[in-house]
Amino acid sequence: MRKLVYFVASTLDGFVAGPDGADPTGPDGFWPIPQDYIEYLAAEYPETLPGPARQALGITAEGDRFDTVVEGRLSYEIGLKAGLADAFPHLRHLVFSRTLRQSPDPAVQVVQDDPVAVVRELKREDGKDIWIVGGGSLAGALYPEIDRLIVKMAPLTIGTGIPLFGRGAAFGARTWRLTDHVVMGSGAMFLTYDRASAEGEPA
């Protein structure tokens, strides 16, 4: 069965964005993007780079991890403001929103149904894994369905901001097994955790 993977950049203190939710890697952003980090992404996770970045880097590889990306409306609007109606044209792209009535791009599917139900259907389909690109609120809504965490840990603290699972996630203790880790010379880390158990489940 396909896995739901939350592949996300996080600060050391557990935030995925600043308090305003704006793109922390944009022109006015505060997030460091070292060269070794970009090179590792391009080599190991080429499908997670937006279309313009792939083009600039000469990347044509499909990648062997994901064929579907899901995101929330606020995360999607960051791309829209940058002029990207479909930041990932090389992937099946779903945007969960109860207020966005029409997709700005024919290749992007706007979904108003329950994210958990939709993701359970996606998992039953054939294909590669499903990537949650963001934001924290969608990850919080899908928390029970996440099978793998890949945290791109930045050597950065910001004190406050949008937490890894948003501000409205329900409490649910869960343990994870560290299955891979890569430490960059720049101090960035890629930490891969597979779901071990949730509260009430056998470990």
Protein backbone atom coordinates (compact mmCIF):
# COMPACT_ATOMS: atom_id res chain seq x y z
CA MET A 1 0.00 0.00 0.00
CA ARG A 2 1.19 3.51 -0.73
CA LYS A 3 2.50 5.55 2.20
CA LEU A 4 1.52 9.06 3.19
CA VAL A 5 4.78 10.92 3.78
CA TYR A 6 5.13 14.30 5.45
CA PHE A 7 8.30 15.57 3.79
CA VAL A 8 8.80 18.94 5.43
CA ALA A 9 11.40 21.51 6.44
CA SER A 10 11.46 22.30 10.14
CA THR A 11 13.44 24.52 12.47
CA LEU A 12 15.20 23.00 15.47
CA ASP A 13 12.35 24.27 17.63
CA GLY A 14 9.67 22.57 15.54
CA PHE A 15 8.28 25.29 13.27
CA VAL A 16 7.61 25.05 9.53
CA ALA A 17 7.02 28.77 8.98
CA GLY A 18 6.97 32.06 10.84
CA PRO A 19 3.89 33.35 12.71
CA ASP A 20 2.39 34.89 9.56
CA GLY A 21 2.65 31.64 7.58
CA ALA A 22 4.46 33.34 4.69
CA ASP A 23 7.05 31.51 2.63
CA PRO A 24 10.18 31.46 4.82
CA THR A 25 12.36 30.67 1.80
CA GLY A 26 11.06 33.53 -0.35
CA PRO A 27 12.85 36.80 -1.18
CA ASP A 28 12.15 38.19 2.29
CA GLY A 29 12.50 34.85 4.03
CA PHE A 30 14.73 33.86 6.91
CA TRP A 31 15.34 30.19 6.06
CA PRO A 32 18.91 29.21 5.10
CA ILE A 33 19.19 27.21 1.86
CA PRO A 34 22.80 25.97 1.69
CA GLN A 35 24.26 24.55 -1.50
CA ASP A 36 24.73 21.02 -0.11
CA TYR A 37 21.05 20.96 0.85
CA ILE A 38 19.96 21.83 -2.70
CA GLU A 39 22.36 19.28 -4.20
CA TYR A 40 21.02 16.54 -1.94
CA LEU A 41 17.41 17.37 -2.79
CA ALA A 42 18.20 17.36 -6.50
CA ALA A 43 19.92 13.99 -6.24
CA GLU A 44 17.61 12.17 -3.82
CA TYR A 45 14.24 13.92 -3.99
CA PRO A 46 14.09 15.60 -7.44
CA GLU A 47 10.29 15.38 -7.61
CA THR A 48 9.95 17.63 -4.53
CA LEU A 49 11.53 20.62 -6.26
CA PRO A 50 9.09 23.06 -7.90
CA GLY A 51 8.92 23.16 -11.68
CA PRO A 52 10.95 26.39 -12.11
CA ALA A 53 13.71 25.09 -9.82
CA ARG A 54 13.84 21.81 -11.73
CA GLN A 55 14.12 23.73 -14.97
CA ALA A 56 16.86 26.01 -13.63
CA LEU A 57 18.85 23.03 -12.38
CA GLY A 58 18.28 21.01 -15.54
CA ILE A 59 16.41 18.27 -13.66
CA THR A 60 14.26 15.94 -15.73
CA ALA A 61 14.26 12.90 -13.43
CA GLU A 62 10.84 11.78 -12.25
CA GLY A 63 12.19 10.60 -8.93
CA ASP A 64 11.29 7.24 -7.42
CA ARG A 65 9.54 8.29 -4.21
CA PHE A 66 6.40 10.31 -4.97
CA ASP A 67 3.90 10.64 -7.80
CA THR A 68 1.24 12.60 -5.88
CA VAL A 69 1.42 15.78 -3.84
CA VAL A 70 -1.27 17.10 -1.48
CA GLU A 71 -1.41 20.51 0.17
CA GLY A 72 -3.74 22.91 1.91
CA ARG A 73 -5.10 26.14 0.51
CA LEU A 74 -2.78 28.46 2.44
CA SER A 75 0.27 26.55 1.29
CA TYR A 76 -1.04 26.54 -2.28
CA GLU A 77 -1.60 30.29 -2.18
CA ILE A 78 2.10 30.86 -1.51
CA GLY A 79 2.77 29.42 -4.95
CA LEU A 80 -0.08 31.38 -6.49
CA LYS A 81 1.35 34.64 -5.17
CA ALA A 82 4.65 33.71 -6.82
CA GLY A 83 2.84 33.18 -10.12
CA LEU A 84 2.75 29.38 -9.93
CA ALA A 85 -0.73 27.94 -10.37
CA ASP A 86 0.86 24.48 -10.43
CA ALA A 87 4.25 24.40 -8.74
CA PHE A 88 4.55 20.65 -9.33
CA PRO A 89 3.41 19.95 -12.90
CA HIS A 90 5.35 16.68 -12.87
CA LEU A 91 3.14 15.27 -10.06
CA ARG A 92 -0.55 14.63 -9.54
CA HIS A 93 -1.49 17.70 -7.50
CA LEU A 94 -4.40 17.92 -5.03
CA VAL A 95 -5.30 21.02 -3.02
CA PHE A 96 -7.66 20.66 -0.05
CA SER A 97 -9.88 23.69 0.43
CA ARG A 98 -13.46 24.36 1.50
CA THR A 99 -13.38 27.91 0.13
CA LEU A 100 -11.55 27.58 -3.21
CA ARG A 101 -14.33 26.72 -5.66
CA GLN A 102 -12.42 26.49 -8.91
CA SER A 103 -8.88 25.42 -9.67
CA PRO A 104 -6.66 28.14 -11.17
CA ASP A 105 -4.95 25.41 -13.20
CA PRO A 106 -6.64 22.49 -14.99
CA ALA A 107 -3.92 20.11 -13.78
CA VAL A 108 -4.55 20.96 -10.10
CA GLN A 109 -7.46 19.18 -8.45
CA VAL A 110 -9.29 21.17 -5.77
CA VAL A 111 -10.78 18.80 -3.18
CA GLN A 112 -13.49 19.82 -0.70
CA ASP A 113 -14.01 16.37 0.78
CA ASP A 114 -12.60 15.11 4.09
CA PRO A 115 -8.79 14.85 3.68
CA VAL A 116 -8.60 11.62 5.70
CA ALA A 117 -11.18 9.85 3.52
CA VAL A 118 -9.52 11.07 0.32
CA VAL A 119 -6.04 10.01 1.43
CA ARG A 120 -7.29 6.57 2.43
CA GLU A 121 -8.61 6.17 -1.12
CA LEU A 122 -5.31 7.40 -2.59
CA LYS A 123 -3.39 4.89 -0.50
CA ARG A 124 -5.38 2.04 -2.01
CA GLU A 125 -4.42 3.07 -5.54
CA ASP A 126 -1.35 1.74 -7.29
CA GLY A 127 1.62 4.05 -7.54
CA LYS A 128 4.40 5.70 -5.60
CA ASP A 129 4.00 7.35 -2.21
CA ILE A 130 1.94 10.46 -1.46
CA TRP A 131 3.70 13.61 -0.32
CA ILE A 132 2.23 16.20 2.04
CA VAL A 133 4.02 19.39 1.04
CA GLY A 134 2.14 21.47 3.61
CA GLY A 135 0.98 23.19 5.42
CA GLY A 136 0.89 22.41 9.08
CA SER A 137 -2.92 22.51 9.27
CA LEU A 138 -3.35 19.84 6.60
CA ALA A 139 -0.63 17.74 8.22
CA GLY A 140 -2.52 18.08 11.51
CA ALA A 141 -5.78 16.96 9.88
CA LEU A 142 -3.98 14.00 8.32
CA TYR A 143 -1.96 13.17 11.44
CA PRO A 144 -3.61 9.74 11.95
CA GLU A 145 -2.79 8.76 8.37
CA ILE A 146 0.89 9.75 8.20
CA ASP A 147 3.12 6.71 7.77
CA ARG A 148 6.49 8.40 7.41
CA LEU A 149 8.09 11.67 8.46
CA ILE A 150 11.05 13.04 6.52
CA VAL A 151 12.14 16.15 8.38
CA LYS A 152 14.57 18.50 6.66
CA MET A 153 15.96 19.99 9.83
CA ALA A 154 17.45 23.46 9.47
CA PRO A 155 20.15 24.67 11.89
CA LEU A 156 17.77 27.47 12.85
CA THR A 157 15.47 28.51 15.69
CA ILE A 158 12.76 31.15 15.43
CA GLY A 159 11.06 31.11 18.83
CA THR A 160 7.49 30.95 17.53
CA GLY A 161 5.62 30.24 14.33
CA ILE A 162 3.50 27.58 12.63
CA PRO A 163 4.15 24.21 14.34
CA LEU A 164 4.91 21.01 12.46
CA PHE A 165 1.27 19.89 12.70
CA GLY A 166 -0.38 23.30 12.77
CA ARG A 167 -2.11 24.95 15.69
CA GLY A 168 -5.26 22.82 15.69
CA ALA A 169 -3.99 19.24 15.68
CA ALA A 170 -5.70 16.88 18.11
CA PHE A 171 -3.62 15.26 20.85
CA GLY A 172 -2.43 11.77 19.98
CA ALA A 173 0.79 10.24 21.31
CA ARG A 174 2.73 8.39 18.63
CA THR A 175 6.18 6.85 18.50
CA TRP A 176 8.42 6.77 15.43
CA ARG A 177 11.44 4.70 14.42
CA LEU A 178 14.44 6.55 13.01
CA THR A 179 15.17 4.65 9.79
CA ASP A 180 17.63 6.99 8.08
CA HIS A 181 19.58 10.15 8.75
CA VAL A 182 21.87 12.32 6.66
CA VAL A 183 23.86 15.22 8.12
CA MET A 184 25.02 17.96 5.76
CA GLY A 185 28.26 19.84 6.20
CA SER A 186 26.15 23.00 6.44
CA GLY A 187 24.42 21.64 9.54
CA ALA A 188 21.14 20.76 7.81
CA MET A 189 19.87 17.23 8.45
CA PHE A 190 17.47 14.86 6.72
CA LEU A 191 15.80 12.67 9.35
CA THR A 192 13.51 9.82 8.26
CA TYR A 193 11.08 8.29 10.75
CA ASP A 194 8.60 5.48 10.12
CA ARG A 195 5.47 5.18 12.20
CA ALA A 196 5.90 2.75 15.08
CA SER A 197 2.67 3.05 17.04
CA ALA A 198 -0.06 5.38 18.18
CA GLU A 199 -1.62 5.61 21.61
CA GLY A 200 -3.67 2.46 22.19
CA GLU A 201 -1.91 0.51 19.43
CA PRO A 202 0.71 -2.18 20.02
CA ALA A 203 4.27 -0.86 19.63
